[in-house]
Protein backbone atom coordinates (compact mmCIF):
# COMPACT_ATOMS: atom_id res chain seq x y z
CA MET A 1 30.81 131.15 56.83
CA GLN A 2 34.20 132.08 55.40
CA GLU A 3 35.87 132.25 52.02
CA LEU A 4 38.06 129.29 51.12
CA LYS A 5 40.98 131.57 50.23
CA ASP A 6 41.01 132.94 53.80
CA LEU A 7 40.99 129.47 55.31
CA LEU A 8 44.02 128.49 53.23
CA TYR A 9 46.13 131.36 54.61
CA LYS A 10 49.58 130.08 55.70
CA THR A 11 49.04 126.57 54.31
CA ARG A 12 51.77 125.28 51.99
CA ILE A 13 49.87 124.81 48.75
CA GLU A 14 51.40 122.90 45.84
CA GLU A 15 48.49 123.04 43.39
CA ILE A 16 44.96 124.47 43.13
CA ILE A 17 42.33 123.33 40.64
CA GLY A 18 39.19 125.46 40.72
CA SER A 19 38.17 128.65 42.48
CA THR A 20 39.10 129.60 46.05
CA HIS A 21 36.30 132.23 46.11
CA LEU A 22 33.90 129.79 47.71
CA SER A 23 31.86 130.18 50.88
CA ILE A 24 32.69 127.45 53.39
CA LYS A 25 30.32 126.62 56.24
CA ASN A 26 32.18 123.65 57.71
CA ILE A 27 35.50 121.85 57.65
CA SER A 28 35.80 118.09 58.14
CA PHE A 29 38.30 115.25 57.89
CA ASP A 30 35.59 112.62 58.42
CA SER A 31 33.37 112.08 55.37
CA ARG A 32 30.53 110.93 57.65
CA THR A 33 30.19 114.46 59.07
CA VAL A 34 30.29 116.30 55.74
CA LYS A 35 27.41 118.71 55.05
CA THR A 36 26.59 121.25 52.34
CA ASP A 37 29.39 123.76 51.61
CA THR A 38 32.06 121.78 53.48
CA LEU A 39 35.81 121.80 52.92
CA PHE A 40 36.84 118.15 53.18
CA VAL A 41 40.44 117.49 54.23
CA ALA A 42 41.71 114.04 53.25
CA VAL A 43 44.14 112.92 55.95
CA LYS A 44 46.13 109.70 55.93
CA GLY A 45 45.50 108.09 59.34
CA GLU A 46 46.83 105.03 61.10
CA GLN A 47 43.89 102.84 60.14
CA THR A 48 42.11 104.66 57.31
CA ASP A 49 43.11 107.01 54.51
CA GLY A 50 40.77 109.96 53.97
CA HIS A 51 41.68 109.98 50.28
CA GLN A 52 39.49 106.88 49.87
CA PHE A 53 36.42 108.89 50.91
CA ILE A 54 36.80 111.97 48.69
CA SER A 55 33.99 110.97 46.33
CA SER A 56 31.70 110.19 49.27
CA ALA A 57 32.45 113.61 50.79
CA ILE A 58 31.59 115.35 47.51
CA GLU A 59 28.32 113.44 47.26
CA LYS A 60 27.40 114.68 50.73
CA GLY A 61 28.05 118.32 49.90
CA ALA A 62 31.76 119.03 49.98
CA VAL A 63 32.53 121.89 47.58
CA ALA A 64 36.29 121.79 48.10
CA VAL A 65 38.79 119.02 48.81
CA LEU A 66 42.26 119.39 50.28
CA CYS A 67 44.48 116.36 49.74
CA GLU A 68 48.02 115.11 49.22
CA THR A 69 47.19 113.10 46.08
CA LEU A 70 44.56 114.22 43.58
CA PRO A 71 41.85 111.67 42.62
CA ASP A 72 42.11 110.05 39.19
CA SER A 73 38.93 111.77 38.05
CA LEU A 74 37.98 115.29 39.12
CA GLU A 75 34.42 116.49 39.62
CA ASN A 76 33.18 119.67 37.99
CA ASN A 77 32.24 122.49 40.37
CA THR A 78 34.60 121.14 43.01
CA THR A 79 37.84 122.87 44.01
CA TYR A 80 40.89 120.70 44.72
CA ILE A 81 43.87 121.87 46.76
CA ARG A 82 46.96 119.70 46.80
CA VAL A 83 49.43 120.01 49.67
CA LYS A 84 52.42 118.01 50.86
CA ASN A 85 50.98 117.31 54.33
CA SER A 86 47.23 117.49 54.73
CA GLY A 87 47.40 116.85 58.50
CA GLU A 88 49.57 119.92 58.96
CA ALA A 89 47.29 121.95 56.68
CA LEU A 90 44.21 120.83 58.64
CA GLY A 91 45.60 122.36 61.84
CA ILE A 92 46.26 125.68 60.14
CA ILE A 93 42.85 125.69 58.42
CA ALA A 94 41.04 124.82 61.66
CA SER A 95 42.83 127.67 63.39
CA ASN A 96 41.85 130.08 60.60
CA PHE A 97 38.25 128.81 60.61
CA TYR A 98 37.89 129.67 64.31
CA HIS A 99 39.69 133.02 63.93
CA ASN A 100 43.01 131.88 65.44
CA PRO A 101 41.85 131.53 69.05
CA SER A 102 45.27 130.49 70.38
CA GLU A 103 46.52 134.00 69.62
CA LYS A 104 43.85 135.52 71.87
CA LEU A 105 44.79 133.76 75.11
CA LYS A 106 47.92 132.43 76.78
CA LEU A 107 48.14 128.80 75.68
CA ILE A 108 50.52 126.62 77.70
CA GLY A 109 51.32 123.10 76.52
CA ILE A 110 52.60 120.34 78.82
CA THR A 111 54.32 117.29 77.41
CA GLY A 112 56.18 114.32 78.87
CA THR A 113 55.50 110.69 79.78
CA ASN A 114 54.28 111.26 83.33
CA GLY A 115 52.83 114.31 85.05
CA LYS A 116 51.06 115.94 82.08
CA THR A 117 47.55 115.64 83.51
CA THR A 118 48.60 116.66 87.02
CA THR A 119 50.60 119.67 85.82
CA ALA A 120 47.90 120.92 83.45
CA THR A 121 45.14 120.44 86.03
CA LEU A 122 47.10 122.03 88.86
CA LEU A 123 47.91 125.04 86.68
CA TYR A 124 44.23 125.38 85.80
CA ASN A 125 43.29 125.14 89.48
CA LEU A 126 46.02 127.54 90.57
CA PHE A 127 45.10 130.25 88.08
CA THR A 128 41.40 129.75 88.80
CA GLU A 129 42.15 130.17 92.52
CA LEU A 130 43.90 133.44 91.64
CA GLY A 131 40.77 134.72 89.92
CA TYR A 132 41.56 134.08 86.25
CA ARG A 133 39.10 132.50 83.82
CA CYS A 134 40.89 129.51 82.35
CA GLY A 135 40.54 126.58 80.01
CA LEU A 136 41.82 123.04 80.50
CA LEU A 137 42.43 120.33 77.90
CA SER A 138 43.42 117.09 79.61
CA THR A 139 43.15 113.31 79.58
CA VAL A 140 40.56 113.43 82.37
CA VAL A 141 38.31 116.34 81.33
CA ASN A 142 38.16 119.48 79.20
CA LYS A 143 37.02 122.69 80.88
CA ILE A 144 35.90 126.07 79.61
CA ALA A 145 35.98 128.20 82.76
CA ASP A 146 33.75 126.17 85.12
CA LYS A 147 31.97 124.21 82.37
CA GLU A 148 33.10 120.60 81.98
CA ILE A 149 33.24 118.77 78.65
CA LYS A 150 34.04 115.07 78.38
CA ALA A 151 37.54 114.31 77.13
CA THR A 152 37.97 111.54 74.55
CA HIS A 153 41.69 111.99 73.80
CA THR A 154 44.68 113.41 75.69
CA THR A 155 44.92 116.00 72.91
CA PRO A 156 41.80 116.48 70.71
CA ASP A 157 41.87 116.52 66.91
CA ALA A 158 42.75 119.87 65.31
CA ILE A 159 39.15 120.92 64.57
CA THR A 160 37.84 120.06 68.05
CA LEU A 161 40.90 121.65 69.62
CA ASN A 162 40.39 124.97 67.87
CA TYR A 163 36.65 124.87 68.52
CA LEU A 164 37.30 124.46 72.27
CA LEU A 165 39.88 127.26 72.25
CA HIS A 166 37.40 129.46 70.37
CA GLU A 167 34.74 128.77 73.01
CA MET A 168 37.26 129.71 75.70
CA VAL A 169 37.86 133.04 74.00
CA LEU A 170 34.09 133.65 73.79
CA GLN A 171 33.87 132.93 77.53
CA ASN A 172 36.60 135.49 78.23
CA CYS A 173 39.24 132.97 79.29
CA THR A 174 42.72 134.46 79.51
CA HIS A 175 44.71 131.22 79.85
CA CYS A 176 44.48 127.62 78.65
CA PHE A 177 46.56 124.74 79.98
CA MET A 178 46.67 121.66 77.78
CA GLU A 179 48.33 118.29 77.60
CA VAL A 180 50.31 117.72 74.42
CA SER A 181 50.66 114.02 73.63
CA SER A 182 53.39 112.60 71.42
CA HIS A 183 50.66 111.26 69.11
CA ALA A 184 49.29 114.79 68.72
CA VAL A 185 52.69 116.11 67.67
CA ILE A 186 53.30 113.37 65.11
CA GLN A 187 49.75 113.64 63.74
CA ASN A 188 49.97 117.45 63.43
CA ARG A 189 46.99 118.03 65.73
CA ILE A 190 48.74 121.08 67.22
CA SER A 191 49.73 122.53 63.84
CA GLY A 192 48.80 126.20 63.52
CA LEU A 193 48.57 126.88 67.27
CA ASN A 194 50.36 129.76 68.96
CA TYR A 195 51.79 128.70 72.33
CA SER A 196 52.89 131.14 75.01
CA GLY A 197 54.89 128.41 76.70
CA GLY A 198 55.78 124.75 76.83
CA ILE A 199 56.61 122.53 79.81
CA PHE A 200 58.53 119.23 79.71
CA THR A 201 57.98 116.93 82.71
CA ASN A 202 60.05 113.81 81.89
CA ILE A 203 60.35 111.03 79.36
CA THR A 204 60.41 107.30 80.08
CA HIS A 205 59.38 104.02 78.44
CA ASP A 206 55.88 104.35 76.94
CA HIS A 207 53.92 104.20 73.67
CA LEU A 208 56.57 102.12 71.88
CA ASP A 209 53.72 100.25 70.22
CA TYR A 210 53.15 103.48 68.27
CA HIS A 211 56.58 105.13 68.04
CA LYS A 212 58.51 101.83 67.61
CA THR A 213 61.75 103.15 69.18
CA PHE A 214 62.55 105.29 72.21
CA GLU A 215 64.46 107.69 69.93
CA ASP A 216 61.29 108.21 67.84
CA TYR A 217 59.34 108.87 71.04
CA ILE A 218 61.90 111.48 72.18
CA HIS A 219 61.80 113.08 68.73
CA ALA A 220 58.00 113.37 68.94
CA LYS A 221 58.19 115.19 72.28
CA LYS A 222 60.97 117.42 70.99
CA GLY A 223 58.81 118.34 68.00
CA PHE A 224 56.53 120.33 70.30
CA PHE A 225 59.39 122.53 71.50
CA ASP A 226 60.61 122.98 67.93
CA LEU A 227 57.26 124.69 67.19
CA LEU A 228 57.56 127.31 69.95
CA LYS A 229 58.22 130.89 68.87
CA GLU A 230 60.69 133.49 70.15
CA ASN A 231 58.18 135.14 72.49
CA ALA A 232 57.28 131.84 74.22
CA PHE A 233 59.04 130.07 77.09
CA ALA A 234 60.38 126.51 77.15
CA LEU A 235 60.51 125.12 80.69
CA VAL A 236 62.11 121.71 81.24
CA ASN A 237 62.79 119.33 84.12
CA LYS A 238 66.58 119.46 84.26
CA ASP A 239 66.75 116.23 86.26
CA ASP A 240 65.55 114.25 83.25
CA LYS A 241 68.58 113.25 81.17
CA ASN A 242 66.75 114.06 77.92
CA SER A 243 65.60 117.53 78.97
CA MET A 244 68.36 119.36 77.10
CA VAL A 245 67.39 117.52 73.90
CA MET A 246 64.03 119.27 74.09
CA LEU A 247 65.75 122.66 74.06
CA GLN A 248 68.20 121.99 71.21
CA ASN A 249 66.33 123.71 68.37
CA THR A 250 63.67 125.72 70.15
CA LYS A 251 63.42 129.46 69.48
CA ALA A 252 61.70 129.99 72.82
CA LYS A 253 63.34 131.42 75.95
CA LYS A 254 64.86 128.53 77.89
CA TYR A 255 64.30 127.80 81.59
CA THR A 256 64.97 124.81 83.84
CA PHE A 257 63.65 123.42 87.14
CA SER A 258 65.28 120.82 89.38
CA LEU A 259 65.25 119.04 92.73
CA LYS A 260 68.81 117.77 92.37
CA SER A 261 71.00 120.47 90.80
CA MET A 262 71.22 124.20 90.21
CA ALA A 263 68.48 125.48 87.92
CA ASP A 264 66.37 128.57 87.34
CA PHE A 265 63.81 127.10 89.75
CA ASN A 266 64.72 124.73 92.59
CA ALA A 267 62.85 122.81 95.28
CA LYS A 268 63.68 120.53 98.18
CA ILE A 269 61.42 118.12 100.09
CA ILE A 270 61.63 118.88 103.81
CA GLU A 271 58.83 116.58 105.03
CA ASN A 272 56.87 113.90 103.20
CA GLN A 273 53.79 112.32 104.81
CA PHE A 274 50.54 110.68 103.72
CA ASN A 275 48.66 113.86 104.61
CA GLY A 276 50.94 116.22 102.72
CA MET A 277 54.42 117.50 102.01
CA LEU A 278 56.56 120.45 103.12
CA LEU A 279 58.59 121.94 100.29
CA ASN A 280 61.21 124.63 100.03
CA ILE A 281 60.72 126.31 96.65
CA ASN A 282 63.37 128.85 95.69
CA GLY A 283 64.03 129.58 99.37
CA ASN A 284 60.38 129.72 100.47
CA GLU A 285 58.66 127.01 102.52
CA VAL A 286 55.17 125.89 101.54
CA TRP A 287 52.96 123.08 102.90
CA THR A 288 51.03 121.23 100.21
CA LYS A 289 48.33 118.56 100.33
CA LEU A 290 50.09 116.64 97.55
CA ILE A 291 52.46 113.77 98.30
CA GLY A 292 55.72 112.39 96.93
CA GLY A 293 58.79 113.30 94.94
CA PHE A 294 56.98 113.15 91.59
CA ASN A 295 54.48 115.70 92.90
CA ALA A 296 57.35 117.87 94.13
CA TYR A 297 58.42 118.07 90.47
CA ASN A 298 54.85 118.82 89.38
CA LEU A 299 54.48 121.60 91.97
CA LEU A 300 57.86 123.10 91.16
CA GLY A 301 56.93 123.05 87.48
CA ILE A 302 53.67 124.93 88.08
CA TYR A 303 55.40 127.42 90.38
CA ALA A 304 57.99 128.08 87.66
CA ALA A 305 55.29 128.41 84.98
CA SER A 306 53.30 130.83 87.14
CA ALA A 307 56.42 132.96 87.62
CA LEU A 308 57.03 132.98 83.86
CA LEU A 309 53.39 134.05 83.45
CA SER A 310 54.03 137.04 85.77
CA ILE A 311 52.30 135.72 88.91
CA GLU A 312 53.73 137.24 92.10
CA LYS A 313 55.68 134.74 94.24
CA LEU A 314 53.60 134.94 97.43
CA GLU A 315 50.35 134.69 95.45
CA ALA A 316 51.57 131.54 93.70
CA LEU A 317 52.81 129.86 96.91
CA THR A 318 49.56 130.65 98.74
CA ALA A 319 47.53 129.15 95.91
CA ILE A 320 49.80 126.08 95.77
CA SER A 321 49.16 125.43 99.48
CA LYS A 322 45.42 125.17 98.73
CA LEU A 323 45.65 122.73 95.81
CA ASP A 324 44.16 119.25 96.13
CA ALA A 325 45.41 116.07 94.48
CA VAL A 326 44.20 115.51 90.93
CA GLU A 327 41.61 112.74 90.53
CA GLY A 328 43.26 109.35 90.15
CA ARG A 329 46.73 110.70 90.89
CA PHE A 330 47.93 109.36 94.26
CA GLN A 331 44.42 109.63 95.69
CA HIS A 332 44.68 108.55 99.31
CA ILE A 333 41.95 107.28 101.61
CA LYS A 334 42.23 105.73 105.07
CA THR A 335 40.04 103.45 107.20
CA ASP A 336 39.31 103.96 110.88
CA ASN A 337 41.63 101.08 111.73
CA GLY A 338 44.50 102.60 109.77
CA ILE A 339 44.50 100.79 106.41
CA SER A 340 45.69 103.22 103.75
CA ALA A 341 44.55 102.84 100.14
CA ILE A 342 45.94 104.70 97.14
CA VAL A 343 44.58 104.90 93.60
CA ASP A 344 47.04 106.05 90.95
CA TYR A 345 47.09 106.23 87.15
CA ALA A 346 50.64 104.79 87.08
CA HIS A 347 50.67 102.73 83.88
CA THR A 348 54.34 103.01 82.91
CA PRO A 349 57.33 101.39 84.65
CA ASP A 350 58.74 104.74 85.76
CA ALA A 351 55.41 106.02 87.09
CA LEU A 352 54.85 102.82 89.06
CA LYS A 353 58.37 103.02 90.50
CA ASN A 354 57.80 106.66 91.50
CA VAL A 355 54.56 105.86 93.33
CA LEU A 356 56.02 102.83 95.14
CA ASN A 357 59.18 104.74 96.07
CA THR A 358 57.00 107.51 97.49
CA ILE A 359 55.17 104.94 99.60
CA LYS A 360 58.54 103.52 100.68
CA GLU A 361 59.73 106.96 101.80
CA ILE A 362 56.63 107.53 103.92
CA ARG A 363 55.99 104.06 105.40
CA THR A 364 57.46 103.00 108.74
CA GLY A 365 58.52 99.56 107.53
CA ASN A 366 56.27 97.63 109.89
CA GLU A 367 53.32 97.54 107.50
CA ASN A 368 52.78 95.58 104.30
CA VAL A 369 52.45 97.19 100.88
CA ILE A 370 49.95 95.32 98.69
CA THR A 371 50.09 96.34 95.03
CA ILE A 372 47.42 95.59 92.43
CA VAL A 373 48.66 96.17 88.91
CA GLY A 374 47.84 95.21 85.33
CA CYS A 375 48.75 96.28 81.81
CA GLY A 376 46.53 97.44 78.96
CA GLY A 377 45.79 95.24 75.99
CA ASN A 378 46.77 96.09 72.39
CA ARG A 379 49.48 98.42 73.71
CA ASP A 380 53.24 98.43 74.30
CA LYS A 381 54.07 94.83 75.31
CA GLU A 382 57.67 95.50 76.31
CA LYS A 383 56.69 97.21 79.54
CA ARG A 384 54.59 94.31 80.87
CA PRO A 385 57.37 92.28 82.55
CA LEU A 386 58.97 95.53 83.75
CA MET A 387 55.78 96.59 85.53
CA ALA A 388 55.55 93.25 87.36
CA LYS A 389 59.25 93.31 88.24
CA ILE A 390 59.02 96.77 89.78
CA ALA A 391 55.85 95.91 91.70
CA CYS A 392 57.48 92.81 93.18
CA GLU A 393 60.70 94.56 94.14
CA LEU A 394 58.92 97.38 95.99
CA SER A 395 55.91 95.57 97.50
CA ASN A 396 55.30 92.90 100.14
CA LYS A 397 52.52 91.33 98.10
CA VAL A 398 51.56 91.78 94.44
CA ILE A 399 48.31 90.91 92.68
CA LEU A 400 48.62 90.81 88.89
CA THR A 401 45.26 91.52 87.27
CA SER A 402 43.49 93.05 84.27
CA ASP A 403 43.75 96.73 83.34
CA ASN A 404 41.91 97.49 80.08
CA PRO A 405 42.47 94.21 78.20
CA ARG A 406 40.68 95.65 75.15
CA LYS A 407 40.72 92.90 72.52
CA GLU A 408 43.49 90.79 74.06
CA ASN A 409 42.99 87.81 76.32
CA PRO A 410 43.64 89.24 79.83
CA GLU A 411 45.29 86.00 80.96
CA ASP A 412 47.80 86.30 78.11
CA ILE A 413 48.68 89.81 79.30
CA ILE A 414 49.15 88.59 82.88
CA ASN A 415 51.35 85.72 81.65
CA GLU A 416 53.58 88.23 79.87
CA MET A 417 53.80 90.27 83.07
CA LYS A 418 54.78 87.15 85.00
CA LYS A 419 57.96 86.91 82.91
CA GLY A 420 59.27 89.82 84.96
CA VAL A 421 58.67 88.09 88.30
CA GLU A 422 61.91 86.62 89.65
CA PRO A 423 61.75 83.24 91.45
CA ILE A 424 62.48 84.87 94.80
CA HIS A 425 59.17 86.76 94.47
CA PHE A 426 56.93 83.86 93.36
CA LYS A 427 55.45 83.30 96.82
CA LYS A 428 54.25 86.87 97.24
CA THR A 429 52.66 87.11 93.79
CA LEU A 430 49.04 86.27 93.00
CA SER A 431 47.24 86.33 89.65
CA ILE A 432 43.55 87.27 89.69
CA THR A 433 42.19 88.06 86.25
CA ASP A 434 39.01 89.78 87.47
CA ARG A 435 40.08 93.27 88.62
CA ARG A 436 37.13 93.61 90.98
CA GLU A 437 38.08 90.35 92.70
CA ALA A 438 41.72 91.44 92.82
CA ILE A 439 40.80 94.63 94.69
CA LYS A 440 38.50 92.69 97.03
CA THR A 441 41.28 90.19 97.77
CA ALA A 442 43.75 92.96 98.59
CA CYS A 443 41.25 94.50 101.02
CA LEU A 444 40.73 91.11 102.72
CA LEU A 445 44.49 90.58 103.02
CA ALA A 446 45.18 94.04 104.45
CA LEU A 447 45.74 94.37 108.21
CA PRO A 448 45.55 97.61 110.23
CA GLY A 449 48.36 99.90 109.11
CA ASP A 450 48.87 98.19 105.74
CA ILE A 451 48.98 100.11 102.47
CA ILE A 452 47.05 99.09 99.33
CA LEU A 453 48.07 100.53 95.95
CA VAL A 454 45.70 100.12 93.00
CA ALA A 455 47.72 101.18 89.97
CA GLY A 456 47.02 101.71 86.30
CA LYS A 457 43.54 103.13 85.77
CA GLY A 458 43.39 106.10 88.12
CA HIS A 459 40.57 108.45 87.10
CA GLU A 460 39.02 106.08 84.54
CA LYS A 461 35.42 105.11 85.23
CA TYR A 462 35.36 102.13 82.90
CA GLN A 463 37.13 98.92 81.96
CA GLU A 464 37.48 98.21 78.25
CA ILE A 465 36.90 94.55 77.40
CA ASN A 466 36.44 93.25 73.83
CA GLY A 467 35.83 96.77 72.53
CA GLU A 468 33.14 97.51 75.11
CA LYS A 469 33.58 99.99 77.96
CA MET A 470 32.04 98.59 81.14
CA PRO A 471 31.46 100.82 84.22
CA PHE A 472 34.38 100.39 86.62
CA ASP A 473 35.82 102.74 89.25
CA ASP A 474 38.87 101.62 91.26
CA LEU A 475 38.24 104.15 94.04
CA GLU A 476 34.57 103.25 94.50
CA ILE A 477 35.33 99.54 94.55
CA LEU A 478 38.04 100.14 97.14
CA LYS A 479 35.65 102.15 99.32
CA ASN A 480 32.91 99.53 99.05
CA ASN A 481 35.28 96.76 100.06
CA LEU A 482 36.87 98.72 102.88
CA LYS A 483 33.39 100.00 103.86
CA ILE A 484 34.54 103.55 104.44
CA MET A 485 33.69 107.04 103.37
CA GLU A 486 36.55 109.18 102.08
CA LYS A 487 37.87 111.49 104.77
């Protein structure tokens, strides 16, 4: 329990009605979770406006309300705090409520279109391998040391986020590696946090259903670096043409990494195979189990971050050589007769191109590449024809299928993808709406030596259809159809 006045520290208050000498047991932005002695924060969301539920929150026990617009009628014995941006204030209040946990560990944020999950997870695994107690906040899973907690969002809401960081501090974690989504930046979920460093992987076409324009999307990513303080580091992938935009207004110390030009941290791919990759990182060779150019960037990024976090070079390289692929990120299995199958989360045009180009670099040219790909429903529609176009250009056979259709008709989504298929590729393109059947068909078509890519869902263990999440695992379905055990 804390005093309201302490929770409001550093918030930009425009007006207070009532006393701030109140004992607060809970904070909430969802009126359904309000209990006795709660501070209710009315946040304007995408679908609902918390201001509409102020009276309901008071009825359930809220003793204080923070909002952007005061209600027409004010209740006695209730304190009202008016601010310009309640979402921003919520982040600061949540941080205060949990005793500012981000100041008690080294919090590293990773943002970008592709590579966030892999980079955050690999950093967690690397530092854990080196003996540190760490936290992880990712799309796939949240971790407090070795305890796993189900992830519901790439970046949790501000209250959940600070609660998890607080639990990490209680468990003596020294570092936390977290994905920072563009949505989280725009919605102020990371407001009030103290980052020791930020990493930018890349930025390509994605989430334009939310951000509307690519410029807005870039601005959202840049907003994370604008929040970094002087004692933090800002590490960016120099090979991305928008990387310097990220550094324009940051107060943090600036560093770059690159595979193509001079940077603070450089790497070169010496060998690239399905069983691993030999890299030269800043003049030192290291064999890694990970595959492909996009993973070379991820590994270089985590090497650079470890150096900026004072890890000795040989220690970092040794740990990197032990790292396994992240679940659903270029996960490779192989049958006894030589059929290779890959499951990857690639759900953007650039990510799909990266995965297929990696396969192209490794393949001999005598085998067929069979790609299964779909696009999510109720999401960015512009990328649908692009995904199909890329799949057709870089594959011998393509099966267009469902991803997570959500509340859209999956056949409508596939028809929009088909618009990207050029006439020259019609003969090698199939449409199979049922994803399970699509994977089965690919396995039946594959001959010894062929390569099957199942793209889009990666680590997900469900398929969302008409608002319902049905059990579905690309990797397990592949294994069952190929009748193999993972080697």
